[in-house]
C-alpha atoms as a PDB file:
ATOM      1  CA  MET A   1     124.254  85.526  98.869  1.00  0.00           C
ATOM      2  CA  LYS A   2     124.978  85.348 102.578  1.00  0.00           C
ATOM      3  CA  THR A   3     123.096  88.548 103.376  1.00  0.00           C
ATOM      4  CA  PRO A   4     119.958  90.143 101.890  1.00  0.00           C
ATOM      5  CA  ARG A   5     120.293  92.793  99.199  1.00  0.00           C
ATOM      6  CA  GLU A   6     117.391  94.776 100.669  1.00  0.00           C
ATOM      7  CA  ILE A   7     115.531  94.887 103.977  1.00  0.00           C
ATOM      8  CA  ASN A   8     112.176  96.310 105.054  1.00  0.00           C
ATOM      9  CA  ILE A   9     111.937  98.207 108.340  1.00  0.00           C
ATOM     10  CA  SER A  10     108.794  99.289 110.138  1.00  0.00           C
ATOM     11  CA  ILE A  11     110.397 102.333 111.702  1.00  0.00           C
ATOM     12  CA  THR A  12     107.434 103.293 113.888  1.00  0.00           C
ATOM     13  CA  ALA A  13     103.976 102.076 114.839  1.00  0.00           C
ATOM     14  CA  HIS A  14     102.809 105.701 115.143  1.00  0.00           C
ATOM     15  CA  CYS A  15     100.663 107.258 112.430  1.00  0.00           C
ATOM     16  CA  ASN A  16      98.776 110.488 111.888  1.00  0.00           C
ATOM     17  CA  LEU A  17      95.793 108.463 110.600  1.00  0.00           C
ATOM     18  CA  GLN A  18      93.844 105.509 111.926  1.00  0.00           C
ATOM     19  CA  CYS A  19      92.571 103.705 108.847  1.00  0.00           C
ATOM     20  CA  HIS A  20      89.755 101.255 109.537  1.00  0.00           C
ATOM     21  CA  TYR A  21      91.755  98.287 108.276  1.00  0.00           C
ATOM     22  CA  CYS A  22      95.205  99.164 109.622  1.00  0.00           C
ATOM     23  CA  SER A  23      97.289  96.232 110.822  1.00  0.00           C
ATOM     24  CA  HIS A  24      98.382  98.340 113.822  1.00  0.00           C
ATOM     25  CA  TYR A  25      96.683  99.790 116.898  1.00  0.00           C
ATOM     26  CA  SER A  26      95.573  96.514 118.445  1.00  0.00           C
ATOM     27  CA  SER A  27      98.276  94.078 117.408  1.00  0.00           C
ATOM     28  CA  PRO A  28     100.299  92.388 120.173  1.00  0.00           C
ATOM     29  CA  THR A  29     103.545  93.460 118.472  1.00  0.00           C
ATOM     30  CA  ASP A  30     102.704  97.174 118.486  1.00  0.00           C
ATOM     31  CA  THR A  31     104.842  99.353 120.692  1.00  0.00           C
ATOM     32  CA  LYS A  32     104.326 102.935 121.757  1.00  0.00           C
ATOM     33  CA  GLU A  33     108.080 103.521 121.922  1.00  0.00           C
ATOM     34  CA  ASN A  34     110.231 104.355 118.906  1.00  0.00           C
ATOM     35  CA  LEU A  35     113.743 102.988 118.683  1.00  0.00           C
ATOM     36  CA  PRO A  36     116.090 105.972 119.176  1.00  0.00           C
ATOM     37  CA  ALA A  37     117.722 107.339 116.041  1.00  0.00           C
ATOM     38  CA  ALA A  38     121.205 106.518 117.373  1.00  0.00           C
ATOM     39  CA  GLU A  39     120.317 102.826 117.454  1.00  0.00           C
ATOM     40  CA  TRP A  40     119.002 102.937 113.891  1.00  0.00           C
ATOM     41  CA  LEU A  41     122.210 104.653 112.767  1.00  0.00           C
ATOM     42  CA  HIS A  42     124.291 101.924 114.379  1.00  0.00           C
ATOM     43  CA  PHE A  43     122.109  99.315 112.690  1.00  0.00           C
ATOM     44  CA  PHE A  44     122.626 100.970 109.291  1.00  0.00           C
ATOM     45  CA  GLN A  45     126.385 100.728 109.793  1.00  0.00           C
ATOM     46  CA  GLU A  46     125.963  96.987 110.382  1.00  0.00           C
ATOM     47  CA  LEU A  47     123.828  96.683 107.247  1.00  0.00           C
ATOM     48  CA  GLN A  48     126.467  98.460 105.175  1.00  0.00           C
ATOM     49  CA  GLN A  49     129.163  96.154 106.556  1.00  0.00           C
ATOM     50  CA  ASN A  50     127.035  93.214 105.404  1.00  0.00           C
ATOM     51  CA  ALA A  51     126.630  94.600 101.871  1.00  0.00           C
ATOM     52  CA  VAL A  52     122.932  95.438 102.161  1.00  0.00           C
ATOM     53  CA  MET A  53     122.154  97.753  99.251  1.00  0.00           C
ATOM     54  CA  ALA A  54     118.727  99.214 100.037  1.00  0.00           C
ATOM     55  CA  VAL A  55     116.321  99.827 102.909  1.00  0.00           C
ATOM     56  CA  THR A  56     112.539 100.223 102.691  1.00  0.00           C
ATOM     57  CA  LEU A  57     111.066 102.360 105.470  1.00  0.00           C
ATOM     58  CA  SER A  58     107.450 101.863 106.483  1.00  0.00           C
ATOM     59  CA  GLY A  59     105.366 102.205 109.617  1.00  0.00           C
ATOM     60  CA  GLY A  60     102.829 103.166 110.900  1.00  0.00           C
ATOM     61  CA  GLU A  61     103.602 106.331 108.977  1.00  0.00           C
ATOM     62  CA  PRO A  62     107.359 106.898 108.576  1.00  0.00           C
ATOM     63  CA  LEU A  63     106.919 110.682 108.447  1.00  0.00           C
ATOM     64  CA  SER A  64     105.500 110.571 111.985  1.00  0.00           C
ATOM     65  CA  TYR A  65     108.925 109.412 113.227  1.00  0.00           C
ATOM     66  CA  PRO A  66     110.377 112.675 114.640  1.00  0.00           C
ATOM     67  CA  GLN A  67     113.928 112.111 113.392  1.00  0.00           C
ATOM     68  CA  LEU A  68     113.151 110.688 109.954  1.00  0.00           C
ATOM     69  CA  PRO A  69     115.588 113.046 108.156  1.00  0.00           C
ATOM     70  CA  THR A  70     118.372 111.827 110.461  1.00  0.00           C
ATOM     71  CA  ILE A  71     117.418 108.225 109.675  1.00  0.00           C
ATOM     72  CA  ILE A  72     117.493 108.883 105.925  1.00  0.00           C
ATOM     73  CA  GLU A  73     120.827 110.673 106.218  1.00  0.00           C
ATOM     74  CA  GLY A  74     122.139 107.605 108.058  1.00  0.00           C
ATOM     75  CA  ILE A  75     121.053 105.320 105.224  1.00  0.00           C
ATOM     76  CA  VAL A  76     122.707 107.593 102.672  1.00  0.00           C
ATOM     77  CA  ALA A  77     125.907 107.929 104.731  1.00  0.00           C
ATOM     78  CA  ASN A  78     126.191 104.144 104.680  1.00  0.00           C
ATOM     79  CA  GLN A  79     126.009 104.074 100.888  1.00  0.00           C
ATOM     80  CA  MET A  80     122.586 102.440 100.685  1.00  0.00           C
ATOM     81  CA  ARG A  81     119.537 103.425  98.713  1.00  0.00           C
ATOM     82  CA  PHE A  82     116.040 103.655 100.153  1.00  0.00           C
ATOM     83  CA  ASN A  83     112.313 103.379  99.488  1.00  0.00           C
ATOM     84  CA  LEU A  84     109.587 104.921 101.611  1.00  0.00           C
ATOM     85  CA  LEU A  85     105.983 103.737 102.088  1.00  0.00           C
ATOM     86  CA  SER A  86     103.685 106.568 103.149  1.00  0.00           C
ATOM     87  CA  ASN A  87     100.065 107.668 103.272  1.00  0.00           C
ATOM     88  CA  GLY A  88     101.282 110.902 101.641  1.00  0.00           C
ATOM     89  CA  THR A  89      99.426 113.305 103.893  1.00  0.00           C
ATOM     90  CA  LEU A  90     102.523 114.690 105.660  1.00  0.00           C
ATOM     91  CA  ILE A  91     104.670 115.189 102.563  1.00  0.00           C
ATOM     92  CA  ASP A  92     105.292 118.843 101.752  1.00  0.00           C
ATOM     93  CA  ALA A  93     107.540 120.561  99.206  1.00  0.00           C
ATOM     94  CA  ALA A  94     110.431 120.882 101.675  1.00  0.00           C
ATOM     95  CA  PHE A  95     110.403 117.165 102.466  1.00  0.00           C
ATOM     96  CA  ALA A  96     110.221 116.289  98.770  1.00  0.00           C
ATOM     97  CA  LYS A  97     113.243 118.521  98.094  1.00  0.00           C
ATOM     98  CA  PHE A  98     115.141 116.914 100.972  1.00  0.00           C
ATOM     99  CA  ILE A  99     114.458 113.461  99.502  1.00  0.00           C
ATOM    100  CA  ALA A 100     115.456 114.559  95.997  1.00  0.00           C
ATOM    101  CA  ASP A 101     118.675 116.115  97.282  1.00  0.00           C
ATOM    102  CA  THR A 102     119.820 112.764  98.715  1.00  0.00           C
ATOM    103  CA  HIS A 103     120.004 111.287  95.189  1.00  0.00           C
ATOM    104  CA  ARG A 104     119.534 107.870  96.854  1.00  0.00           C
ATOM    105  CA  CYS A 105     115.755 107.383  96.772  1.00  0.00           C
ATOM    106  CA  ASN A 106     114.540 104.557  94.547  1.00  0.00           C
ATOM    107  CA  LEU A 107     110.832 105.097  95.119  1.00  0.00           C
ATOM    108  CA  ILE A 108     108.195 106.561  97.389  1.00  0.00           C
ATOM    109  CA  GLN A 109     104.927 104.662  97.487  1.00  0.00           C
ATOM    110  CA  ILE A 110     101.741 106.535  98.379  1.00  0.00           C
ATOM    111  CA  SER A 111      98.557 104.855  99.574  1.00  0.00           C
ATOM    112  CA  LEU A 112      95.455 105.947  97.690  1.00  0.00           C
ATOM    113  CA  ASP A 113      92.221 103.992  98.026  1.00  0.00           C
ATOM    114  CA  GLY A 114      89.842 105.822  95.721  1.00  0.00           C
ATOM    115  CA  ALA A 115      89.374 108.134  92.778  1.00  0.00           C
ATOM    116  CA  THR A 116      87.216 110.464  94.872  1.00  0.00           C
ATOM    117  CA  PRO A 117      87.376 111.807  98.414  1.00  0.00           C
ATOM    118  CA  LYS A 118      84.235 109.866  99.367  1.00  0.00           C
ATOM    119  CA  ILE A 119      85.719 106.460  98.494  1.00  0.00           C
ATOM    120  CA  HIS A 120      89.250 107.127  99.764  1.00  0.00           C
ATOM    121  CA  GLU A 121      88.134 108.791 102.987  1.00  0.00           C
ATOM    122  CA  ALA A 122      85.647 106.045 103.877  1.00  0.00           C
ATOM    123  CA  SER A 123      88.634 104.144 105.293  1.00  0.00           C
ATOM    124  CA  ARG A 124      91.290 106.798 105.789  1.00  0.00           C
ATOM    125  CA  GLY A 125      89.434 109.772 107.256  1.00  0.00           C
ATOM    126  CA  GLN A 126      88.182 113.191 106.238  1.00  0.00           C
ATOM    127  CA  GLY A 127      90.560 115.429 104.316  1.00  0.00           C
ATOM    128  CA  THR A 128      93.050 112.682 103.532  1.00  0.00           C
ATOM    129  CA  PHE A 129      92.337 112.426  99.801  1.00  0.00           C
ATOM    130  CA  ASP A 130      93.466 115.947  98.873  1.00  0.00           C
ATOM    131  CA  ARG A 131      96.423 115.798 101.248  1.00  0.00           C
ATOM    132  CA  ALA A 132      97.621 112.493  99.752  1.00  0.00           C
ATOM    133  CA  LEU A 133      97.322 113.941  96.237  1.00  0.00           C
ATOM    134  CA  GLN A 134      99.247 117.058  97.320  1.00  0.00           C
ATOM    135  CA  GLY A 135     101.997 114.871  98.757  1.00  0.00           C
ATOM    136  CA  LEU A 136     102.142 112.899  95.516  1.00  0.00           C
ATOM    137  CA  ALA A 137     102.326 116.130  93.509  1.00  0.00           C
ATOM    138  CA  HIS A 138     105.185 117.491  95.660  1.00  0.00           C
ATOM    139  CA  LEU A 139     107.180 114.312  95.063  1.00  0.00           C
ATOM    140  CA  ARG A 140     106.594 114.349  91.315  1.00  0.00           C
ATOM    141  CA  GLN A 141     107.512 118.039  91.082  1.00  0.00           C
ATOM    142  CA  ALA A 142     110.786 117.222  92.853  1.00  0.00           C
ATOM    143  CA  GLY A 143     111.518 114.497  90.305  1.00  0.00           C
ATOM    144  CA  ILE A 144     111.135 111.582  92.705  1.00  0.00           C
ATOM    145  CA  LYS A 145     109.908 108.271  91.330  1.00  0.00           C
ATOM    146  CA  VAL A 146     106.510 107.507  92.845  1.00  0.00           C
ATOM    147  CA  ALA A 147     104.138 104.587  92.988  1.00  0.00           C
ATOM    148  CA  VAL A 148     100.582 104.219  94.257  1.00  0.00           C
ATOM    149  CA  ARG A 149      99.255 101.271  96.235  1.00  0.00           C
ATOM    150  CA  VAL A 150      95.500 100.717  96.494  1.00  0.00           C
ATOM    151  CA  THR A 151      94.249  98.642  99.419  1.00  0.00           C
ATOM    152  CA  ILE A 152      91.148  96.809  98.232  1.00  0.00           C
ATOM    153  CA  ASN A 153      88.332  96.899 100.767  1.00  0.00           C
ATOM    154  CA  ARG A 154      84.534  96.929 100.939  1.00  0.00           C
ATOM    155  CA  PHE A 155      84.377 100.660 100.255  1.00  0.00           C
ATOM    156  CA  ASN A 156      86.356 100.666  96.998  1.00  0.00           C
ATOM    157  CA  VAL A 157      86.103  97.193  95.453  1.00  0.00           C
ATOM    158  CA  ALA A 158      83.174  98.188  93.226  1.00  0.00           C
ATOM    159  CA  SER A 159      85.013 101.270  91.939  1.00  0.00           C
ATOM    160  CA  LEU A 160      88.316  99.670  90.917  1.00  0.00           C
ATOM    161  CA  PRO A 161      87.783 100.543  87.211  1.00  0.00           C
ATOM    162  CA  GLU A 162      87.293 104.213  88.148  1.00  0.00           C
ATOM    163  CA  ILE A 163      90.365 104.104  90.400  1.00  0.00           C
ATOM    164  CA  ALA A 164      92.453 102.606  87.598  1.00  0.00           C
ATOM    165  CA  ARG A 165      91.230 105.249  85.154  1.00  0.00           C
ATOM    166  CA  PHE A 166      91.975 108.034  87.643  1.00  0.00           C
ATOM    167  CA  LEU A 167      95.496 106.815  88.382  1.00  0.00           C
ATOM    168  CA  LEU A 168      96.498 105.894  84.842  1.00  0.00           C
ATOM    169  CA  GLU A 169      94.677 108.503  82.765  1.00  0.00           C
ATOM    170  CA  GLU A 170      94.181 111.527  85.014  1.00  0.00           C
ATOM    171  CA  LEU A 171      97.317 111.295  87.158  1.00  0.00           C
ATOM    172  CA  LYS A 172      99.283 109.766  84.249  1.00  0.00           C
ATOM    173  CA  LEU A 173     100.981 107.154  86.416  1.00  0.00           C
ATOM    174  CA  PRO A 174     102.612 104.342  84.411  1.00  0.00           C
ATOM    175  CA  THR A 175     101.188 101.691  86.745  1.00  0.00           C
ATOM    176  CA  PHE A 176      99.829 101.054  90.226  1.00  0.00           C
ATOM    177  CA  SER A 177      99.596  98.088  92.563  1.00  0.00           C
ATOM    178  CA  THR A 178      96.989  96.651  94.896  1.00  0.00           C
ATOM    179  CA  ASN A 179      96.812  94.676  98.079  1.00  0.00           C
ATOM    180  CA  SER A 180      93.900  93.618 100.232  1.00  0.00           C
ATOM    181  CA  VAL A 181      92.945  94.165 103.835  1.00  0.00           C
ATOM    182  CA  GLY A 182      94.800  91.843 106.198  1.00  0.00           C
ATOM    183  CA  TYR A 183      93.308  90.076 109.196  1.00  0.00           C
ATOM    184  CA  LEU A 184      95.503  91.980 111.656  1.00  0.00           C
ATOM    185  CA  GLY A 185      95.069  94.910 114.041  1.00  0.00           C
ATOM    186  CA  LEU A 186      92.106  97.108 113.148  1.00  0.00           C
ATOM    187  CA  GLY A 187      91.587  95.007 110.032  1.00  0.00           C
ATOM    188  CA  ARG A 188      90.758  92.118 112.321  1.00  0.00           C
ATOM    189  CA  GLU A 189      88.658  94.169 114.744  1.00  0.00           C
ATOM    190  CA  ASN A 190      86.674  95.744 111.901  1.00  0.00           C
ATOM    191  CA  ASN A 191      86.583  92.601 109.764  1.00  0.00           C
ATOM    192  CA  GLU A 192      82.820  92.769 109.234  1.00  0.00           C
ATOM    193  CA  THR A 193      82.899  96.363 107.985  1.00  0.00           C
ATOM    194  CA  VAL A 194      86.109  96.671 105.953  1.00  0.00           C
END
């Protein structure tokens, strides 16, 4: 193929959280400015002309991009499908319905780092566990395919069996995936504690 079938876009460096191991916040490539929606829409037209079939939106936190619905509508208008990587805390029922109504979403991945608030919130901040689970529930109720990604770190590595049991048996997910803390951004700054 002369062009990729799918591309990944970090649509914003902004986020409503500041996880201890985040690759942003102190990386030289971080920018405080978002690319305007009009430029993204033009870019999606170029992708469609080059037969790109799907776009994965990440961040930062994609839902912190003010014009995210416009961006998603632009992807759909250009006959592409999309995935979204999110911490889940900003997803409400209205957003889940909007996503479902596009009929073009392959998957939304939610970050969840523990089976309990204490473990999850050690890296992601107070109140984030319940909000992430609520976001996940809204998506599932809307019929959207979901996935969970667990970032392995010092706070949760000893509880991976409990996390697996929680995700597979309590939440009834068919599977989940893991990654580990990267040596970038806050992950680099907090290397000794994450």
